[in-house]
Amino acid sequence: MVVDCFNEFLESELQGEYVVKEQVFDTKNFTVYIVTPVDNKIEYERLILLKHLSNEEPSVHIWETCICKKATKMEIAKEVTEAIQSGFIKKD
């Protein structure tokens, strides 16, 4: 049930700008997904962070660095780590 609520929240926040491809990382406080911009005509994707802290409202953050669709799991893990360490850019 909680997962459904988060998925609905994520879809409403993305407002049709991105298509969610897959979940790549999940912890107690946040979940990271690979998404593709709807108007994407090249072979790149983005990371989206869904922050769900117990004492805050859920929020969606976008990592603006593009990821090649043919990236390996290790390359994606490196990007996820960098994104978390650097901080995601808040989606307006």
N, C-alpha and C. Protein backbone atom coordinates (compact mmCIF):
# COMPACT_ATOMS: atom_id res chain seq x y z
N MET A 1 0.82 -1.21 0.00
CA MET A 1 0.00 0.00 0.00
C MET A 1 0.86 1.26 0.00
N VAL A 2 1.90 1.29 0.84
CA VAL A 2 2.79 2.45 0.91
C VAL A 2 3.48 2.67 -0.43
N VAL A 3 3.91 1.58 -1.07
CA VAL A 3 4.56 1.67 -2.37
C VAL A 3 3.63 2.30 -3.39
N ASP A 4 2.36 1.91 -3.39
CA ASP A 4 1.39 2.49 -4.32
C ASP A 4 1.25 3.99 -4.10
N CYS A 5 1.23 4.42 -2.85
CA CYS A 5 1.12 5.86 -2.54
C CYS A 5 2.33 6.61 -3.07
N PHE A 6 3.53 6.04 -2.87
CA PHE A 6 4.74 6.69 -3.36
C PHE A 6 4.75 6.74 -4.89
N ASN A 7 4.32 5.65 -5.53
CA ASN A 7 4.28 5.63 -7.00
C ASN A 7 3.31 6.67 -7.53
N GLU A 8 2.14 6.79 -6.90
CA GLU A 8 1.17 7.80 -7.31
C GLU A 8 1.73 9.21 -7.12
N PHE A 9 2.39 9.43 -5.98
CA PHE A 9 3.01 10.73 -5.71
C PHE A 9 4.07 11.04 -6.75
N LEU A 10 4.92 10.06 -7.06
CA LEU A 10 5.99 10.25 -8.04
C LEU A 10 5.40 10.61 -9.40
N GLU A 11 4.40 9.86 -9.83
CA GLU A 11 3.77 10.14 -11.13
C GLU A 11 3.15 11.53 -11.17
N SER A 12 2.51 11.95 -10.08
CA SER A 12 1.89 13.28 -10.07
C SER A 12 2.95 14.38 -10.08
N GLU A 13 4.08 14.16 -9.42
CA GLU A 13 5.15 15.16 -9.39
C GLU A 13 5.85 15.27 -10.74
N LEU A 14 5.97 14.18 -11.46
CA LEU A 14 6.65 14.20 -12.76
C LEU A 14 5.79 14.82 -13.84
N GLN A 15 4.50 14.90 -13.65
CA GLN A 15 3.54 15.58 -14.53
C GLN A 15 3.73 15.24 -16.01
N GLY A 16 3.98 14.00 -16.30
CA GLY A 16 4.10 13.58 -17.69
C GLY A 16 5.38 13.99 -18.37
N GLU A 17 6.33 14.59 -17.65
CA GLU A 17 7.60 15.02 -18.24
C GLU A 17 8.58 13.86 -18.37
N TYR A 18 8.42 12.84 -17.52
CA TYR A 18 9.34 11.70 -17.50
C TYR A 18 8.55 10.40 -17.44
N VAL A 19 9.15 9.35 -17.99
CA VAL A 19 8.60 8.00 -17.89
C VAL A 19 9.51 7.23 -16.94
N VAL A 20 8.94 6.65 -15.89
CA VAL A 20 9.73 5.89 -14.92
C VAL A 20 10.10 4.54 -15.54
N LYS A 21 11.39 4.25 -15.57
CA LYS A 21 11.88 2.99 -16.15
C LYS A 21 12.04 1.91 -15.10
N GLU A 22 12.83 2.19 -14.04
CA GLU A 22 13.05 1.18 -13.02
C GLU A 22 13.57 1.80 -11.73
N GLN A 23 13.34 1.10 -10.65
CA GLN A 23 13.87 1.50 -9.35
C GLN A 23 15.28 0.94 -9.25
N VAL A 24 16.26 1.78 -8.88
CA VAL A 24 17.64 1.30 -8.81
C VAL A 24 18.21 1.27 -7.41
N PHE A 25 17.57 1.96 -6.48
CA PHE A 25 18.11 2.04 -5.13
C PHE A 25 16.97 2.37 -4.18
N ASP A 26 16.93 1.69 -3.04
CA ASP A 26 15.85 1.93 -2.09
C ASP A 26 16.38 1.84 -0.67
N THR A 27 16.09 2.85 0.14
CA THR A 27 16.44 2.84 1.56
C THR A 27 15.22 3.28 2.35
N LYS A 28 15.39 3.38 3.64
CA LYS A 28 14.29 3.81 4.50
C LYS A 28 13.85 5.24 4.17
N ASN A 29 14.79 6.11 3.80
CA ASN A 29 14.50 7.53 3.62
C ASN A 29 14.36 8.01 2.18
N PHE A 30 14.83 7.24 1.22
CA PHE A 30 14.68 7.66 -0.17
C PHE A 30 14.77 6.49 -1.12
N THR A 31 14.25 6.73 -2.34
CA THR A 31 14.27 5.75 -3.41
C THR A 31 14.75 6.45 -4.66
N VAL A 32 15.61 5.79 -5.44
CA VAL A 32 16.13 6.36 -6.67
C VAL A 32 15.60 5.54 -7.85
N TYR A 33 15.10 6.26 -8.86
CA TYR A 33 14.57 5.64 -10.07
C TYR A 33 15.34 6.14 -11.29
N ILE A 34 15.40 5.31 -12.32
CA ILE A 34 15.87 5.76 -13.63
C ILE A 34 14.63 6.19 -14.40
N VAL A 35 14.69 7.38 -14.99
CA VAL A 35 13.57 7.89 -15.78
C VAL A 35 14.09 8.39 -17.13
N THR A 36 13.20 8.47 -18.09
CA THR A 36 13.52 9.00 -19.41
C THR A 36 12.61 10.19 -19.68
N PRO A 37 13.18 11.34 -20.08
CA PRO A 37 12.32 12.46 -20.47
C PRO A 37 11.42 12.05 -21.63
N VAL A 38 10.16 12.47 -21.60
CA VAL A 38 9.19 12.09 -22.63
C VAL A 38 9.66 12.53 -24.02
N ASP A 39 10.23 13.73 -24.12
CA ASP A 39 10.66 14.25 -25.43
C ASP A 39 12.09 13.84 -25.78
N ASN A 40 12.62 12.83 -25.10
CA ASN A 40 14.00 12.40 -25.31
C ASN A 40 14.16 11.71 -26.65
N LYS A 41 14.94 12.29 -27.53
CA LYS A 41 15.16 11.72 -28.84
C LYS A 41 16.55 11.08 -28.94
N ILE A 42 17.31 11.15 -27.86
CA ILE A 42 18.64 10.53 -27.84
C ILE A 42 18.69 9.46 -26.76
N GLU A 43 19.78 8.77 -26.68
CA GLU A 43 19.90 7.61 -25.81
C GLU A 43 20.36 7.94 -24.39
N TYR A 44 19.65 8.84 -23.72
CA TYR A 44 20.04 9.20 -22.35
C TYR A 44 18.86 9.15 -21.40
N GLU A 45 19.16 8.88 -20.13
CA GLU A 45 18.15 8.84 -19.08
C GLU A 45 18.63 9.70 -17.92
N ARG A 46 17.79 9.86 -16.92
CA ARG A 46 18.12 10.66 -15.73
C ARG A 46 17.80 9.85 -14.48
N LEU A 47 18.31 10.33 -13.35
CA LEU A 47 17.98 9.75 -12.05
C LEU A 47 17.01 10.67 -11.34
N ILE A 48 16.03 10.08 -10.69
CA ILE A 48 15.07 10.83 -9.88
C ILE A 48 15.15 10.28 -8.46
N LEU A 49 15.24 11.17 -7.49
CA LEU A 49 15.24 10.78 -6.08
C LEU A 49 13.89 11.11 -5.48
N LEU A 50 13.24 10.12 -4.91
CA LEU A 50 12.00 10.34 -4.16
C LEU A 50 12.39 10.28 -2.69
N LYS A 51 12.36 11.44 -2.05
CA LYS A 51 12.75 11.55 -0.64
C LYS A 51 11.51 11.35 0.20
N HIS A 52 11.55 10.40 1.14
CA HIS A 52 10.39 10.14 1.98
C HIS A 52 10.82 10.00 3.44
N LEU A 53 11.26 11.13 3.99
CA LEU A 53 11.64 11.17 5.40
C LEU A 53 10.39 11.15 6.27
N SER A 54 10.47 10.53 7.41
CA SER A 54 9.29 10.40 8.27
C SER A 54 8.79 11.73 8.82
N ASN A 55 9.67 12.71 8.95
CA ASN A 55 9.27 14.00 9.53
C ASN A 55 9.05 15.10 8.48
N GLU A 56 9.06 14.75 7.19
CA GLU A 56 8.86 15.73 6.12
C GLU A 56 7.87 15.19 5.09
N GLU A 57 7.32 16.11 4.32
CA GLU A 57 6.50 15.71 3.18
C GLU A 57 7.40 15.06 2.12
N PRO A 58 6.92 14.07 1.38
CA PRO A 58 7.72 13.49 0.30
C PRO A 58 8.08 14.56 -0.73
N SER A 59 9.24 14.43 -1.34
CA SER A 59 9.65 15.38 -2.37
C SER A 59 10.41 14.66 -3.47
N VAL A 60 10.39 15.24 -4.67
CA VAL A 60 11.05 14.66 -5.83
C VAL A 60 12.21 15.56 -6.24
N HIS A 61 13.37 14.96 -6.48
CA HIS A 61 14.57 15.69 -6.88
C HIS A 61 15.14 15.04 -8.14
N ILE A 62 15.68 15.87 -9.04
CA ILE A 62 16.20 15.38 -10.32
C ILE A 62 17.72 15.54 -10.34
N TRP A 63 18.42 14.49 -10.74
CA TRP A 63 19.86 14.56 -10.97
C TRP A 63 20.01 14.92 -12.44
N GLU A 64 20.56 16.10 -12.72
CA GLU A 64 20.55 16.64 -14.08
C GLU A 64 21.57 15.98 -15.02
N THR A 65 22.51 15.21 -14.49
CA THR A 65 23.48 14.54 -15.34
C THR A 65 22.79 13.42 -16.11
N CYS A 66 23.01 13.38 -17.41
CA CYS A 66 22.40 12.33 -18.24
C CYS A 66 23.19 11.03 -18.11
N ILE A 67 22.48 9.93 -18.21
CA ILE A 67 23.07 8.60 -18.13
C ILE A 67 22.76 7.88 -19.43
N CYS A 68 23.77 7.29 -20.03
CA CYS A 68 23.57 6.53 -21.27
C CYS A 68 22.66 5.34 -20.99
N LYS A 69 21.72 5.08 -21.89
CA LYS A 69 20.80 3.95 -21.72
C LYS A 69 21.54 2.62 -21.72
N LYS A 70 22.76 2.60 -22.27
CA LYS A 70 23.54 1.37 -22.32
C LYS A 70 24.53 1.28 -21.16
N ALA A 71 24.37 2.13 -20.15
CA ALA A 71 25.28 2.14 -19.00
C ALA A 71 25.20 0.82 -18.24
N THR A 72 26.35 0.41 -17.71
CA THR A 72 26.39 -0.81 -16.90
C THR A 72 25.85 -0.51 -15.50
N LYS A 73 25.58 -1.57 -14.74
CA LYS A 73 25.11 -1.39 -13.37
C LYS A 73 26.15 -0.65 -12.53
N MET A 74 27.42 -0.90 -12.79
CA MET A 74 28.49 -0.23 -12.05
C MET A 74 28.49 1.27 -12.36
N GLU A 75 28.30 1.64 -13.63
CA GLU A 75 28.25 3.06 -14.01
C GLU A 75 27.04 3.74 -13.37
N ILE A 76 25.92 3.06 -13.34
CA ILE A 76 24.72 3.62 -12.70
C ILE A 76 24.94 3.77 -11.20
N ALA A 77 25.54 2.76 -10.57
CA ALA A 77 25.83 2.84 -9.13
C ALA A 77 26.74 4.01 -8.83
N LYS A 78 27.72 4.26 -9.68
CA LYS A 78 28.64 5.39 -9.50
C LYS A 78 27.87 6.71 -9.58
N GLU A 79 26.96 6.83 -10.54
CA GLU A 79 26.15 8.05 -10.68
C GLU A 79 25.24 8.24 -9.48
N VAL A 80 24.62 7.16 -9.01
CA VAL A 80 23.75 7.25 -7.84
C VAL A 80 24.55 7.73 -6.64
N THR A 81 25.73 7.17 -6.44
CA THR A 81 26.59 7.58 -5.32
C THR A 81 26.96 9.05 -5.43
N GLU A 82 27.37 9.47 -6.63
CA GLU A 82 27.75 10.88 -6.83
C GLU A 82 26.55 11.80 -6.60
N ALA A 83 25.40 11.40 -7.09
CA ALA A 83 24.19 12.21 -6.93
C ALA A 83 23.83 12.38 -5.45
N ILE A 84 23.91 11.30 -4.71
CA ILE A 84 23.58 11.36 -3.28
C ILE A 84 24.59 12.21 -2.53
N GLN A 85 25.87 12.04 -2.84
CA GLN A 85 26.91 12.80 -2.15
C GLN A 85 26.88 14.28 -2.52
N SER A 86 26.56 14.60 -3.77
CA SER A 86 26.57 15.99 -4.23
C SER A 86 25.27 16.71 -3.93
N GLY A 87 24.20 15.96 -3.78
CA GLY A 87 22.89 16.56 -3.58
C GLY A 87 22.15 16.67 -4.90
N PHE A 88 20.91 16.27 -4.87
CA PHE A 88 20.07 16.36 -6.06
C PHE A 88 19.56 17.79 -6.23
N ILE A 89 19.26 18.18 -7.45
CA ILE A 89 18.68 19.50 -7.72
C ILE A 89 17.18 19.38 -7.53
N LYS A 90 16.61 20.26 -6.74
CA LYS A 90 15.16 20.23 -6.46
C LYS A 90 14.38 20.50 -7.73
N LYS A 91 13.37 19.66 -8.00
CA LYS A 91 12.48 19.87 -9.15
C LYS A 91 11.55 21.02 -8.82
N ASP A 92 11.42 21.97 -9.74
CA ASP A 92 10.52 23.12 -9.52
C ASP A 92 9.08 22.75 -9.72
